Amino acid sequence: MEELKKRLEREDVRGVVRTANGEIREFHRQGVIDLFTLLTEEPQMLLGAQIADRVIGRGAALLMVKGRVQEVFACVISKQALDILQQAGIPITYATLQPHIINRTGTDICPVEKLTASTDDPDEAYELIKEFLK
């Protein structure tokens, strides 16, 4: 996990995944789009994977549970995301715990955090996020 955390120090890296077989992939877009795309197009990449991410909110946590990741590190994580990962038995370490993830303009709660507030079901969250990203 230390190597993954170190990669997050680069300004252009938003998240890093190490697959169960050791392949490392970096992601550069904000929000859940890279995680969602990976889960949709290459779900085997998440099965048993380690993930280090700058910001993990409720939606990302539910996608990680759906993808059956093994371990997670977050620079910033919301309390709800932490609860979801812990309830799923996924080991999580983090630098900063926040009550909620805030949107990019700093004016409200992140839209995906709000969108998934009504569910703890990873499959339902996936469908909600799918519609949101359209």
N, C-alpha and C. Protein backbone atom coordinates (compact mmCIF):
# COMPACT_ATOMS: atom_id res chain seq x y z
N MET A 1 0.83 -1.20 0.00
CA MET A 1 0.00 0.00 0.00
C MET A 1 0.87 1.26 0.00
N GLU A 2 2.04 1.18 0.59
CA GLU A 2 2.92 2.36 0.65
C GLU A 2 3.28 2.87 -0.75
N GLU A 3 3.54 1.96 -1.67
CA GLU A 3 3.86 2.38 -3.04
C GLU A 3 2.67 3.11 -3.68
N LEU A 4 1.47 2.62 -3.43
CA LEU A 4 0.28 3.26 -3.99
C LEU A 4 0.10 4.65 -3.40
N LYS A 5 0.27 4.77 -2.09
CA LYS A 5 0.15 6.08 -1.44
C LYS A 5 1.18 7.06 -1.99
N LYS A 6 2.37 6.58 -2.23
CA LYS A 6 3.44 7.44 -2.75
C LYS A 6 3.06 7.99 -4.14
N ARG A 7 2.42 7.19 -4.96
CA ARG A 7 2.01 7.63 -6.29
C ARG A 7 0.98 8.76 -6.21
N LEU A 8 0.19 8.80 -5.13
CA LEU A 8 -0.79 9.86 -4.96
C LEU A 8 -0.14 11.22 -4.72
N GLU A 9 1.14 11.22 -4.40
CA GLU A 9 1.85 12.48 -4.17
C GLU A 9 2.01 13.28 -5.45
N ARG A 10 1.95 12.60 -6.60
CA ARG A 10 2.01 13.31 -7.88
C ARG A 10 0.69 14.04 -8.10
N GLU A 11 0.76 15.28 -8.49
CA GLU A 11 -0.43 16.12 -8.61
C GLU A 11 -1.45 15.58 -9.60
N ASP A 12 -1.00 14.92 -10.67
CA ASP A 12 -1.93 14.45 -11.70
C ASP A 12 -2.59 13.12 -11.37
N VAL A 13 -2.19 12.45 -10.31
CA VAL A 13 -2.75 11.14 -9.97
C VAL A 13 -3.85 11.31 -8.93
N ARG A 14 -5.05 10.84 -9.27
CA ARG A 14 -6.20 10.92 -8.36
C ARG A 14 -6.42 9.62 -7.60
N GLY A 15 -6.06 8.50 -8.24
CA GLY A 15 -6.26 7.20 -7.62
C GLY A 15 -5.33 6.17 -8.23
N VAL A 16 -5.06 5.10 -7.46
CA VAL A 16 -4.17 4.03 -7.91
C VAL A 16 -4.78 2.70 -7.49
N VAL A 17 -4.75 1.74 -8.41
CA VAL A 17 -5.24 0.39 -8.13
C VAL A 17 -4.11 -0.59 -8.35
N ARG A 18 -3.94 -1.51 -7.40
CA ARG A 18 -3.04 -2.66 -7.59
C ARG A 18 -3.93 -3.90 -7.59
N THR A 19 -3.94 -4.59 -8.71
CA THR A 19 -4.79 -5.77 -8.85
C THR A 19 -4.26 -6.90 -7.97
N ALA A 20 -5.06 -7.93 -7.84
CA ALA A 20 -4.66 -9.10 -7.06
C ALA A 20 -3.40 -9.74 -7.63
N ASN A 21 -3.17 -9.58 -8.94
CA ASN A 21 -1.95 -10.18 -9.53
C ASN A 21 -0.79 -9.19 -9.62
N GLY A 22 -0.95 -7.99 -9.00
CA GLY A 22 0.16 -7.06 -8.89
C GLY A 22 0.24 -5.96 -9.93
N GLU A 23 -0.64 -5.97 -10.93
CA GLU A 23 -0.65 -4.90 -11.93
C GLU A 23 -1.08 -3.60 -11.28
N ILE A 24 -0.37 -2.51 -11.58
CA ILE A 24 -0.70 -1.20 -11.01
C ILE A 24 -1.20 -0.30 -12.13
N ARG A 25 -2.31 0.38 -11.85
CA ARG A 25 -2.87 1.33 -12.80
C ARG A 25 -3.21 2.63 -12.07
N GLU A 26 -2.83 3.74 -12.68
CA GLU A 26 -3.12 5.06 -12.12
C GLU A 26 -4.32 5.68 -12.83
N PHE A 27 -5.05 6.52 -12.11
CA PHE A 27 -6.21 7.20 -12.66
C PHE A 27 -6.09 8.69 -12.39
N HIS A 28 -6.66 9.48 -13.30
CA HIS A 28 -6.39 10.91 -13.28
C HIS A 28 -7.61 11.81 -13.22
N ARG A 29 -8.80 11.27 -13.38
CA ARG A 29 -10.00 12.10 -13.36
C ARG A 29 -10.58 12.19 -11.96
N GLN A 30 -11.22 13.31 -11.66
CA GLN A 30 -11.86 13.48 -10.36
C GLN A 30 -13.19 12.73 -10.32
N GLY A 31 -13.68 12.52 -9.12
CA GLY A 31 -14.98 11.88 -8.96
C GLY A 31 -14.88 10.37 -9.10
N VAL A 32 -16.02 9.74 -9.36
CA VAL A 32 -16.10 8.28 -9.40
C VAL A 32 -15.99 7.71 -10.81
N ILE A 33 -15.79 8.55 -11.82
CA ILE A 33 -15.82 8.09 -13.21
C ILE A 33 -14.81 6.99 -13.50
N ASP A 34 -13.57 7.13 -13.04
CA ASP A 34 -12.57 6.09 -13.32
C ASP A 34 -12.91 4.78 -12.61
N LEU A 35 -13.33 4.87 -11.37
CA LEU A 35 -13.72 3.68 -10.62
C LEU A 35 -14.93 3.02 -11.25
N PHE A 36 -15.93 3.80 -11.63
CA PHE A 36 -17.12 3.28 -12.27
C PHE A 36 -16.76 2.59 -13.59
N THR A 37 -15.93 3.24 -14.40
CA THR A 37 -15.52 2.67 -15.68
C THR A 37 -14.78 1.36 -15.49
N LEU A 38 -13.89 1.33 -14.52
CA LEU A 38 -13.15 0.10 -14.23
C LEU A 38 -14.10 -1.02 -13.81
N LEU A 39 -15.03 -0.72 -12.94
CA LEU A 39 -15.99 -1.72 -12.47
C LEU A 39 -16.87 -2.21 -13.62
N THR A 40 -17.20 -1.33 -14.54
CA THR A 40 -18.07 -1.68 -15.66
C THR A 40 -17.34 -2.47 -16.74
N GLU A 41 -16.14 -2.00 -17.09
CA GLU A 41 -15.43 -2.58 -18.23
C GLU A 41 -14.42 -3.66 -17.87
N GLU A 42 -13.84 -3.59 -16.67
CA GLU A 42 -12.83 -4.57 -16.25
C GLU A 42 -13.03 -4.93 -14.77
N PRO A 43 -14.17 -5.50 -14.43
CA PRO A 43 -14.45 -5.76 -13.01
C PRO A 43 -13.43 -6.67 -12.34
N GLN A 44 -12.78 -7.53 -13.10
CA GLN A 44 -11.78 -8.43 -12.52
C GLN A 44 -10.60 -7.65 -11.94
N MET A 45 -10.38 -6.42 -12.42
CA MET A 45 -9.29 -5.58 -11.90
C MET A 45 -9.51 -5.21 -10.44
N LEU A 46 -10.76 -5.12 -10.02
CA LEU A 46 -11.05 -4.71 -8.65
C LEU A 46 -11.11 -5.88 -7.67
N LEU A 47 -11.40 -7.06 -8.16
CA LEU A 47 -11.53 -8.23 -7.30
C LEU A 47 -10.23 -8.51 -6.56
N GLY A 48 -10.23 -8.30 -5.26
CA GLY A 48 -9.04 -8.52 -4.44
C GLY A 48 -7.99 -7.42 -4.55
N ALA A 49 -8.34 -6.29 -5.14
CA ALA A 49 -7.38 -5.21 -5.38
C ALA A 49 -7.17 -4.33 -4.16
N GLN A 50 -6.07 -3.62 -4.17
CA GLN A 50 -5.79 -2.55 -3.22
C GLN A 50 -6.02 -1.24 -3.95
N ILE A 51 -6.65 -0.27 -3.28
CA ILE A 51 -6.92 1.03 -3.89
C ILE A 51 -6.43 2.12 -2.96
N ALA A 52 -5.74 3.10 -3.54
CA ALA A 52 -5.39 4.34 -2.84
C ALA A 52 -6.02 5.47 -3.64
N ASP A 53 -6.76 6.34 -2.96
CA ASP A 53 -7.48 7.40 -3.66
C ASP A 53 -7.40 8.68 -2.84
N ARG A 54 -7.45 9.80 -3.53
CA ARG A 54 -7.40 11.09 -2.84
C ARG A 54 -8.66 11.35 -2.03
N VAL A 55 -9.84 11.06 -2.62
CA VAL A 55 -11.11 11.36 -1.97
C VAL A 55 -12.05 10.18 -2.15
N ILE A 56 -12.58 9.67 -1.05
CA ILE A 56 -13.55 8.57 -1.13
C ILE A 56 -14.81 8.98 -0.38
N GLY A 57 -15.87 9.07 -1.15
CA GLY A 57 -17.18 9.34 -0.59
C GLY A 57 -18.02 8.08 -0.61
N ARG A 58 -19.25 8.25 -0.24
CA ARG A 58 -20.20 7.14 -0.12
C ARG A 58 -20.35 6.35 -1.43
N GLY A 59 -20.48 7.06 -2.56
CA GLY A 59 -20.65 6.37 -3.84
C GLY A 59 -19.44 5.52 -4.20
N ALA A 60 -18.26 6.08 -4.05
CA ALA A 60 -17.03 5.33 -4.35
C ALA A 60 -16.90 4.12 -3.43
N ALA A 61 -17.23 4.28 -2.16
CA ALA A 61 -17.15 3.16 -1.23
C ALA A 61 -18.08 2.03 -1.65
N LEU A 62 -19.29 2.38 -2.05
CA LEU A 62 -20.24 1.35 -2.49
C LEU A 62 -19.75 0.65 -3.76
N LEU A 63 -19.13 1.40 -4.67
CA LEU A 63 -18.56 0.77 -5.87
C LEU A 63 -17.40 -0.16 -5.50
N MET A 64 -16.61 0.23 -4.51
CA MET A 64 -15.51 -0.63 -4.07
C MET A 64 -16.03 -1.91 -3.44
N VAL A 65 -17.10 -1.82 -2.69
CA VAL A 65 -17.72 -3.02 -2.11
C VAL A 65 -18.23 -3.91 -3.23
N LYS A 66 -18.92 -3.31 -4.20
CA LYS A 66 -19.43 -4.09 -5.34
C LYS A 66 -18.29 -4.77 -6.08
N GLY A 67 -17.17 -4.07 -6.23
CA GLY A 67 -16.01 -4.63 -6.93
C GLY A 67 -15.21 -5.62 -6.11
N ARG A 68 -15.55 -5.73 -4.82
CA ARG A 68 -14.90 -6.67 -3.90
C ARG A 68 -13.40 -6.42 -3.75
N VAL A 69 -13.07 -5.12 -3.53
CA VAL A 69 -11.68 -4.77 -3.29
C VAL A 69 -11.23 -5.33 -1.95
N GLN A 70 -9.93 -5.45 -1.78
CA GLN A 70 -9.37 -6.07 -0.58
C GLN A 70 -8.96 -5.06 0.48
N GLU A 71 -8.45 -3.90 0.06
CA GLU A 71 -7.90 -2.93 1.01
C GLU A 71 -7.96 -1.55 0.39
N VAL A 72 -8.16 -0.51 1.23
CA VAL A 72 -8.32 0.85 0.74
C VAL A 72 -7.53 1.83 1.60
N PHE A 73 -6.96 2.84 0.93
CA PHE A 73 -6.40 4.01 1.59
C PHE A 73 -7.03 5.24 0.98
N ALA A 74 -7.40 6.22 1.82
CA ALA A 74 -7.95 7.48 1.34
C ALA A 74 -7.22 8.64 1.98
N CYS A 75 -6.89 9.63 1.17
CA CYS A 75 -6.36 10.87 1.73
C CYS A 75 -7.47 11.55 2.53
N VAL A 76 -8.67 11.58 1.94
CA VAL A 76 -9.87 12.13 2.59
C VAL A 76 -11.01 11.14 2.39
N ILE A 77 -11.75 10.87 3.44
CA ILE A 77 -12.89 9.95 3.36
C ILE A 77 -14.05 10.52 4.16
N SER A 78 -15.25 10.30 3.68
CA SER A 78 -16.42 10.72 4.44
C SER A 78 -16.74 9.67 5.50
N LYS A 79 -17.40 10.09 6.55
CA LYS A 79 -17.78 9.18 7.64
C LYS A 79 -18.65 8.05 7.10
N GLN A 80 -19.58 8.39 6.20
CA GLN A 80 -20.46 7.36 5.64
C GLN A 80 -19.68 6.36 4.80
N ALA A 81 -18.71 6.83 4.03
CA ALA A 81 -17.88 5.92 3.24
C ALA A 81 -17.07 5.00 4.14
N LEU A 82 -16.52 5.56 5.20
CA LEU A 82 -15.77 4.75 6.17
C LEU A 82 -16.65 3.66 6.75
N ASP A 83 -17.86 4.03 7.16
CA ASP A 83 -18.80 3.05 7.72
C ASP A 83 -19.10 1.93 6.73
N ILE A 84 -19.34 2.29 5.48
CA ILE A 84 -19.66 1.29 4.45
C ILE A 84 -18.51 0.30 4.28
N LEU A 85 -17.29 0.81 4.16
CA LEU A 85 -16.14 -0.07 3.98
C LEU A 85 -15.91 -0.95 5.20
N GLN A 86 -16.05 -0.38 6.38
CA GLN A 86 -15.87 -1.17 7.60
C GLN A 86 -16.93 -2.25 7.72
N GLN A 87 -18.18 -1.91 7.42
CA GLN A 87 -19.26 -2.91 7.48
C GLN A 87 -19.05 -4.04 6.49
N ALA A 88 -18.39 -3.74 5.37
CA ALA A 88 -18.10 -4.76 4.37
C ALA A 88 -16.85 -5.57 4.73
N GLY A 89 -16.17 -5.18 5.82
CA GLY A 89 -14.98 -5.90 6.24
C GLY A 89 -13.74 -5.57 5.42
N ILE A 90 -13.75 -4.42 4.74
CA ILE A 90 -12.61 -4.01 3.93
C ILE A 90 -11.69 -3.14 4.79
N PRO A 91 -10.46 -3.56 5.00
CA PRO A 91 -9.53 -2.74 5.79
C PRO A 91 -9.33 -1.38 5.13
N ILE A 92 -9.42 -0.32 5.93
CA ILE A 92 -9.33 1.05 5.42
C ILE A 92 -8.43 1.87 6.32
N THR A 93 -7.51 2.60 5.71
CA THR A 93 -6.73 3.59 6.44
C THR A 93 -6.95 4.92 5.71
N TYR A 94 -6.78 6.01 6.44
CA TYR A 94 -7.05 7.31 5.84
C TYR A 94 -6.27 8.38 6.58
N ALA A 95 -6.12 9.53 5.92
CA ALA A 95 -5.44 10.67 6.52
C ALA A 95 -6.43 11.61 7.19
N THR A 96 -7.57 11.88 6.51
CA THR A 96 -8.54 12.84 7.03
C THR A 96 -9.95 12.28 6.92
N LEU A 97 -10.70 12.37 8.01
CA LEU A 97 -12.10 11.94 8.05
C LEU A 97 -12.98 13.19 8.07
N GLN A 98 -13.95 13.25 7.14
CA GLN A 98 -14.87 14.38 7.06
C GLN A 98 -16.30 13.89 7.23
N PRO A 99 -17.20 14.73 7.73
CA PRO A 99 -18.60 14.32 7.84
C PRO A 99 -19.19 13.99 6.47
N HIS A 100 -18.83 14.77 5.44
CA HIS A 100 -19.29 14.57 4.06
C HIS A 100 -18.19 15.02 3.12
N ILE A 101 -18.26 14.51 1.90
CA ILE A 101 -17.42 15.03 0.84
C ILE A 101 -18.15 16.25 0.27
N ILE A 102 -17.42 17.30 0.03
CA ILE A 102 -18.01 18.55 -0.47
C ILE A 102 -17.77 18.64 -1.98
N ASN A 103 -18.70 19.26 -2.69
CA ASN A 103 -18.57 19.39 -4.15
C ASN A 103 -17.36 20.26 -4.52
N ARG A 104 -17.02 20.29 -5.79
CA ARG A 104 -15.81 20.97 -6.26
C ARG A 104 -15.85 22.48 -6.04
N THR A 105 -17.06 23.06 -6.01
CA THR A 105 -17.17 24.50 -5.79
C THR A 105 -17.18 24.85 -4.30
N GLY A 106 -17.27 23.82 -3.45
CA GLY A 106 -17.26 24.05 -2.01
C GLY A 106 -18.57 24.59 -1.46
N THR A 107 -19.64 24.44 -2.23
CA THR A 107 -20.92 25.04 -1.83
C THR A 107 -21.95 24.06 -1.29
N ASP A 108 -21.71 22.75 -1.44
CA ASP A 108 -22.70 21.76 -1.03
C ASP A 108 -22.02 20.40 -0.89
N ILE A 109 -22.80 19.43 -0.47
CA ILE A 109 -22.32 18.04 -0.41
C ILE A 109 -22.14 17.53 -1.84
N CYS A 110 -21.13 16.72 -2.05
CA CYS A 110 -20.87 16.10 -3.35
C CYS A 110 -22.15 15.47 -3.91
N PRO A 111 -22.43 15.67 -5.20
CA PRO A 111 -23.67 15.13 -5.76
C PRO A 111 -23.77 13.60 -5.69
N VAL A 112 -22.66 12.89 -5.82
CA VAL A 112 -22.71 11.43 -5.74
C VAL A 112 -22.92 10.99 -4.30
N GLU A 113 -22.39 11.73 -3.36
CA GLU A 113 -22.62 11.43 -1.94
C GLU A 113 -24.12 11.58 -1.63
N LYS A 114 -24.71 12.64 -2.15
CA LYS A 114 -26.16 12.87 -1.95
C LYS A 114 -26.98 11.81 -2.69
N LEU A 115 -26.58 11.52 -3.91
CA LEU A 115 -27.29 10.56 -4.76
C LEU A 115 -27.42 9.19 -4.10
N THR A 116 -26.36 8.76 -3.44
CA THR A 116 -26.34 7.41 -2.87
C THR A 116 -26.74 7.38 -1.39
N ALA A 117 -27.16 8.52 -0.85
CA ALA A 117 -27.51 8.59 0.58
C ALA A 117 -28.68 7.68 0.95
N SER A 118 -29.51 7.35 -0.02
CA SER A 118 -30.71 6.57 0.27
C SER A 118 -30.50 5.07 0.20
N THR A 119 -29.28 4.62 -0.08
CA THR A 119 -29.06 3.18 -0.22
C THR A 119 -27.74 2.74 0.39
N ASP A 120 -27.74 1.52 0.89
CA ASP A 120 -26.51 0.86 1.32
C ASP A 120 -26.22 -0.33 0.42
N ASP A 121 -27.01 -0.49 -0.64
CA ASP A 121 -26.90 -1.61 -1.56
C ASP A 121 -25.94 -1.24 -2.70
N PRO A 122 -24.81 -1.93 -2.81
CA PRO A 122 -23.83 -1.60 -3.87
C PRO A 122 -24.41 -1.70 -5.28
N ASP A 123 -25.30 -2.66 -5.51
CA ASP A 123 -25.89 -2.80 -6.85
C ASP A 123 -26.80 -1.61 -7.16
N GLU A 124 -27.59 -1.20 -6.20
CA GLU A 124 -28.47 -0.05 -6.40
C GLU A 124 -27.65 1.23 -6.59
N ALA A 125 -26.60 1.38 -5.80
CA ALA A 125 -25.72 2.55 -5.95
C ALA A 125 -25.09 2.57 -7.34
N TYR A 126 -24.67 1.42 -7.82
CA TYR A 126 -24.09 1.32 -9.17
C TYR A 126 -25.07 1.85 -10.22
N GLU A 127 -26.32 1.43 -10.12
CA GLU A 127 -27.34 1.87 -11.08
C GLU A 127 -27.61 3.37 -10.96
N LEU A 128 -27.66 3.88 -9.74
CA LEU A 128 -27.86 5.32 -9.54
C LEU A 128 -26.70 6.13 -10.15
N ILE A 129 -25.49 5.66 -9.92
CA ILE A 129 -24.31 6.36 -10.45
C ILE A 129 -24.27 6.25 -11.98
N LYS A 130 -24.66 5.10 -12.50
CA LYS A 130 -24.71 4.90 -13.96
C LYS A 130 -25.62 5.95 -14.59
N GLU A 131 -26.80 6.14 -14.01
CA GLU A 131 -27.74 7.15 -14.55
C GLU A 131 -27.18 8.56 -14.39
N PHE A 132 -26.55 8.83 -13.28
CA PHE A 132 -25.97 10.15 -13.01
C PHE A 132 -24.89 10.50 -14.03
N LEU A 133 -24.08 9.52 -14.40
CA LEU A 133 -22.95 9.76 -15.30
C LEU A 133 -23.35 9.89 -16.76
N LYS A 134 -24.59 9.52 -17.08
CA LYS A 134 -25.06 9.62 -18.48
C LYS A 134 -25.08 11.03 -18.91
